[in-house]
N, C-alpha and C. Protein backbone atom coordinates (compact mmCIF):
# COMPACT_ATOMS: atom_id res chain seq x y z
N MET A 1 0.83 -1.15 0.24
CA MET A 1 0.01 -0.05 -0.13
C MET A 1 0.81 1.10 -0.04
N ASN A 2 0.63 2.32 -0.82
CA ASN A 2 1.14 3.53 -0.76
C ASN A 2 0.77 4.39 -0.05
N ILE A 3 -0.34 4.24 0.53
CA ILE A 3 -0.68 5.73 1.75
C ILE A 3 0.01 5.84 3.43
N LYS A 4 0.83 7.29 3.20
CA LYS A 4 1.48 7.04 4.44
C LYS A 4 0.64 8.52 5.34
N PRO A 5 0.06 7.74 6.16
CA PRO A 5 -0.67 9.11 7.12
C PRO A 5 0.39 9.86 7.97
N LEU A 6 0.32 11.20 8.10
CA LEU A 6 0.58 12.19 8.86
C LEU A 6 0.43 12.31 10.08
N GLY A 7 1.07 12.82 10.79
CA GLY A 7 0.88 13.40 12.25
C GLY A 7 0.11 11.99 13.36
N ASP A 8 -0.75 12.42 13.70
CA ASP A 8 -1.42 11.17 14.45
C ASP A 8 -2.27 10.51 13.89
N ARG A 9 -2.45 10.42 12.14
CA ARG A 9 -3.43 9.64 11.59
C ARG A 9 -3.24 8.47 11.43
N VAL A 10 -4.27 7.23 11.42
CA VAL A 10 -4.23 6.15 10.95
C VAL A 10 -4.91 5.89 10.07
N VAL A 11 -4.60 4.65 8.97
CA VAL A 11 -5.36 4.38 8.11
C VAL A 11 -5.90 2.86 8.59
N ILE A 12 -7.25 2.65 8.01
CA ILE A 12 -7.82 1.12 9.02
C ILE A 12 -8.86 1.22 7.60
N LYS A 13 -8.79 -0.46 7.55
CA LYS A 13 -9.70 -1.28 6.62
C LYS A 13 -10.79 -1.51 7.19
N ARG A 14 -12.26 -1.02 7.05
CA ARG A 14 -13.19 -1.90 8.00
C ARG A 14 -13.49 -3.61 7.78
N LEU A 15 -13.39 -4.13 8.58
CA LEU A 15 -13.86 -5.84 8.77
C LEU A 15 -15.49 -6.06 8.03
N GLU A 16 -15.49 -7.09 7.40
CA GLU A 16 -16.45 -7.40 7.05
C GLU A 16 -17.84 -7.47 7.93
N ALA A 17 -19.07 -6.61 7.77
CA ALA A 17 -19.63 -6.74 8.61
C ALA A 17 -21.04 -8.33 8.59
N GLU A 18 -21.70 -8.70 9.41
CA GLU A 18 -21.93 -9.61 9.48
C GLU A 18 -23.14 -10.46 8.79
N GLU A 19 -23.27 -11.12 8.20
CA GLU A 19 -24.40 -11.56 7.01
C GLU A 19 -25.64 -11.65 7.66
N THR A 20 -25.54 -12.56 8.78
CA THR A 20 -26.73 -13.10 9.56
C THR A 20 -26.66 -12.65 11.28
N THR A 21 -27.73 -12.67 11.41
CA THR A 21 -28.06 -11.89 13.15
C THR A 21 -27.69 -13.35 14.13
N LYS A 22 -27.50 -13.58 15.20
CA LYS A 22 -27.32 -14.63 16.13
C LYS A 22 -28.53 -15.30 16.19
N SER A 23 -29.76 -14.85 16.05
CA SER A 23 -31.18 -15.77 15.88
C SER A 23 -30.99 -16.53 14.12
N GLY A 24 -30.18 -16.71 13.26
CA GLY A 24 -30.25 -17.00 12.21
C GLY A 24 -30.98 -16.23 10.70
N ILE A 25 -31.25 -15.34 10.67
CA ILE A 25 -31.83 -14.12 10.00
C ILE A 25 -30.98 -13.77 8.72
N VAL A 26 -30.90 -13.67 8.07
CA VAL A 26 -29.93 -13.01 6.97
C VAL A 26 -30.69 -11.60 6.96
N LEU A 27 -29.27 -10.70 6.69
CA LEU A 27 -29.38 -9.53 6.30
C LEU A 27 -28.97 -9.18 4.96
N THR A 28 -30.14 -8.70 4.50
CA THR A 28 -29.67 -8.09 2.99
C THR A 28 -28.68 -6.31 2.67
N GLY A 29 -28.22 -6.53 1.61
CA GLY A 29 -27.24 -5.06 1.96
C GLY A 29 -27.59 -3.67 2.59
N THR A 30 -29.26 -3.54 2.77
CA THR A 30 -29.28 -1.90 2.88
C THR A 30 -29.67 -2.42 4.62
N ALA A 31 -29.47 -3.57 4.70
CA ALA A 31 -30.45 -3.42 6.58
C ALA A 31 -29.00 -3.90 7.39
N LYS A 32 -27.89 -4.30 6.96
CA LYS A 32 -26.56 -4.51 7.45
C LYS A 32 -26.07 -2.48 8.18
N GLU A 33 -25.60 -3.07 9.12
CA GLU A 33 -25.35 -1.37 10.27
C GLU A 33 -23.25 -1.57 9.31
N ARG A 34 -22.85 -1.07 9.15
CA ARG A 34 -22.02 -0.76 8.98
C ARG A 34 -20.64 -1.18 10.18
N PRO A 35 -19.88 -1.56 10.22
CA PRO A 35 -18.82 -2.36 11.10
C PRO A 35 -18.16 -1.37 11.81
N GLN A 36 -17.84 -0.95 12.70
CA GLN A 36 -17.37 -0.47 13.60
C GLN A 36 -15.68 -0.78 14.16
N GLU A 37 -15.40 -2.24 13.51
CA GLU A 37 -14.12 -2.44 14.23
C GLU A 37 -13.27 -3.12 12.40
N ALA A 38 -12.06 -2.72 12.68
CA ALA A 38 -11.24 -2.39 11.72
C ALA A 38 -10.24 -3.10 12.15
N GLU A 39 -8.81 -3.01 10.90
CA GLU A 39 -7.61 -3.74 10.89
C GLU A 39 -6.67 -1.97 10.36
N VAL A 40 -5.88 -1.81 11.38
CA VAL A 40 -5.09 -0.78 11.34
C VAL A 40 -3.89 -1.09 10.03
N VAL A 41 -3.95 -0.50 8.89
CA VAL A 41 -3.06 -0.74 7.48
C VAL A 41 -2.01 0.05 7.51
N ALA A 42 -1.96 1.09 8.03
CA ALA A 42 -0.92 1.97 8.05
C ALA A 42 -0.84 2.93 9.30
N VAL A 43 0.07 3.64 9.89
CA VAL A 43 0.11 4.46 10.97
C VAL A 43 1.43 5.65 10.86
N GLY A 44 0.85 6.68 11.11
CA GLY A 44 1.54 8.06 11.04
C GLY A 44 2.74 8.12 11.96
N PRO A 45 3.98 8.60 12.36
CA PRO A 45 4.65 8.78 12.76
C PRO A 45 4.32 9.62 14.13
N GLY A 46 3.25 10.32 14.56
CA GLY A 46 3.07 10.75 15.69
C GLY A 46 3.07 11.95 15.78
N ALA A 47 2.20 12.77 16.62
CA ALA A 47 1.64 14.08 16.90
C ALA A 47 2.67 14.61 17.67
N ILE A 48 3.08 15.56 17.02
CA ILE A 48 4.13 16.84 17.89
C ILE A 48 3.38 18.04 18.48
N VAL A 49 3.47 17.83 20.27
CA VAL A 49 2.56 18.68 21.09
C VAL A 49 3.66 19.39 21.88
N ASP A 50 4.31 20.75 21.89
CA ASP A 50 5.35 21.42 22.77
C ASP A 50 6.71 20.68 22.21
N GLY A 51 6.98 20.52 21.11
CA GLY A 51 8.14 20.13 20.71
C GLY A 51 8.45 18.40 20.78
N LYS A 52 7.96 17.97 21.26
CA LYS A 52 8.08 16.44 21.75
C LYS A 52 6.97 15.74 20.56
N ARG A 53 7.52 14.84 20.36
CA ARG A 53 6.86 14.29 19.18
C ARG A 53 5.83 12.67 20.49
N ILE A 54 4.66 12.45 20.29
CA ILE A 54 3.92 11.82 20.89
C ILE A 54 3.89 10.24 20.28
N GLU A 55 4.39 9.40 21.16
CA GLU A 55 3.69 8.36 20.51
C GLU A 55 2.36 7.76 19.97
N MET A 56 2.42 6.94 18.82
CA MET A 56 1.04 6.06 18.72
C MET A 56 0.77 5.24 19.36
N GLU A 57 -0.01 4.42 19.77
CA GLU A 57 -0.23 3.65 21.07
C GLU A 57 -1.17 2.56 19.53
N VAL A 58 -1.29 2.45 18.52
CA VAL A 58 -1.96 1.76 17.83
C VAL A 58 -0.86 1.59 16.86
N LYS A 59 -0.72 0.05 16.17
CA LYS A 59 0.31 -0.64 15.21
C LYS A 59 -0.05 -1.02 14.18
N VAL A 60 0.31 -1.34 13.19
CA VAL A 60 0.14 -2.17 12.33
C VAL A 60 -0.43 -3.33 12.34
N LYS A 61 -1.80 -3.75 11.59
CA LYS A 61 -2.39 -5.02 11.91
C LYS A 61 -3.38 -5.30 13.40
N ASP A 62 -3.53 -4.51 13.90
CA ASP A 62 -4.37 -3.93 15.29
C ASP A 62 -5.42 -4.48 15.00
N LYS A 63 -6.09 -4.96 15.41
CA LYS A 63 -7.89 -4.35 15.32
C LYS A 63 -8.19 -4.07 16.15
N VAL A 64 -9.08 -2.66 15.73
CA VAL A 64 -9.57 -1.54 16.46
C VAL A 64 -10.78 -1.28 16.74
N LEU A 65 -11.41 -0.44 17.57
CA LEU A 65 -12.92 -0.26 17.14
C LEU A 65 -13.03 1.18 17.71
N PHE A 66 -13.85 2.09 16.34
CA PHE A 66 -13.67 3.16 16.51
C PHE A 66 -14.55 3.56 16.43
N SER A 67 -14.59 5.27 16.57
CA SER A 67 -16.38 6.10 16.71
C SER A 67 -17.20 6.11 15.31
N LYS A 68 -18.21 5.83 15.90
CA LYS A 68 -19.27 5.41 14.28
C LYS A 68 -18.75 6.89 13.06
N TYR A 69 -18.75 7.80 13.83
CA TYR A 69 -18.84 8.97 12.52
C TYR A 69 -17.03 9.73 12.42
N ALA A 70 -16.63 8.97 12.39
CA ALA A 70 -15.38 9.58 12.63
C ALA A 70 -14.37 9.36 11.06
N GLY A 71 -13.61 10.45 10.85
CA GLY A 71 -12.92 10.05 9.81
C GLY A 71 -13.06 9.89 8.70
N THR A 72 -12.37 9.87 7.41
CA THR A 72 -12.71 10.68 6.08
C THR A 72 -12.54 8.92 4.93
N GLU A 73 -13.58 8.80 4.76
CA GLU A 73 -13.31 7.79 3.60
C GLU A 73 -12.87 7.51 2.07
N VAL A 74 -11.67 6.50 2.14
CA VAL A 74 -11.56 7.07 0.55
C VAL A 74 -11.11 5.40 -0.19
N LYS A 75 -11.08 5.87 -1.43
CA LYS A 75 -10.73 4.65 -2.05
C LYS A 75 -9.78 4.84 -2.58
N PHE A 76 -8.75 3.62 -2.72
CA PHE A 76 -7.34 3.79 -3.62
C PHE A 76 -7.62 1.96 -3.69
N ASP A 77 -7.31 2.01 -5.50
CA ASP A 77 -7.04 0.66 -5.83
C ASP A 77 -8.07 -0.20 -5.78
N GLY A 78 -8.98 0.63 -5.83
CA GLY A 78 -10.47 -0.27 -5.66
C GLY A 78 -10.75 -0.96 -4.23
N VAL A 79 -10.00 -0.42 -3.34
CA VAL A 79 -10.14 -0.85 -2.05
C VAL A 79 -10.87 0.42 -0.99
N GLU A 80 -11.32 0.07 -0.12
CA GLU A 80 -11.71 1.59 0.24
C GLU A 80 -10.90 1.61 1.74
N TYR A 81 -10.73 2.39 1.96
CA TYR A 81 -10.25 2.94 3.82
C TYR A 81 -10.90 4.14 4.78
N VAL A 82 -10.40 4.62 5.94
CA VAL A 82 -11.16 5.11 6.84
C VAL A 82 -9.57 6.32 7.12
N ILE A 83 -9.67 7.35 6.97
CA ILE A 83 -8.10 7.66 7.45
C ILE A 83 -8.75 8.92 8.60
N LEU A 84 -8.30 8.16 9.94
CA LEU A 84 -8.81 9.26 11.07
C LEU A 84 -7.58 9.36 12.16
N LYS A 85 -7.98 10.35 13.07
CA LYS A 85 -7.06 10.30 13.72
C LYS A 85 -7.04 9.48 15.11
N GLN A 86 -5.76 9.28 15.87
CA GLN A 86 -5.63 8.32 16.43
C GLN A 86 -6.80 8.45 17.77
N ASP A 87 -7.18 9.88 18.04
CA ASP A 87 -8.10 10.22 19.05
C ASP A 87 -9.64 9.25 18.71
N ASP A 88 -9.56 9.23 17.71
CA ASP A 88 -10.74 8.06 17.24
C ASP A 88 -11.05 7.09 17.19
N ILE A 89 -10.09 6.24 17.17
CA ILE A 89 -9.84 4.96 17.85
C ILE A 89 -9.96 4.60 19.21
N LEU A 90 -11.47 4.23 19.73
CA LEU A 90 -11.33 3.92 20.86
C LEU A 90 -11.03 2.61 21.54
N ALA A 91 -10.87 1.49 20.87
CA ALA A 91 -10.15 0.56 22.13
C ALA A 91 -9.37 -0.61 20.60
N ILE A 92 -8.39 -1.22 21.76
CA ILE A 92 -7.82 -2.43 20.50
C ILE A 92 -8.16 -3.76 21.18
N VAL A 93 -8.84 -4.36 20.00
CA VAL A 93 -9.56 -5.54 20.23
C VAL A 93 -8.63 -6.73 20.58
N GLU A 94 -8.40 -7.69 21.54
CA GLU A 94 -7.38 -8.42 21.91
C GLU A 94 -8.29 -9.53 21.33
């Protein structure tokens, strides 16, 4: 991939949405909710605050949960990514 985020930005790729509910109901394309879980594909160098670089808390291949309306969606080489600030990431899924 050739996207290199700047500052405290992170590039993520959404994980696939569930096709069926826990009770076995198959969801159509419009009924599926967009997942808030994603995999980190690129990480910026970190923000600079008061002349000091702040280290990034996430790394490539981490699975994360992020805010519902966070970031900017971009399409690169036919794949959809979201570029967002590290602050919009809520948790790392282990």
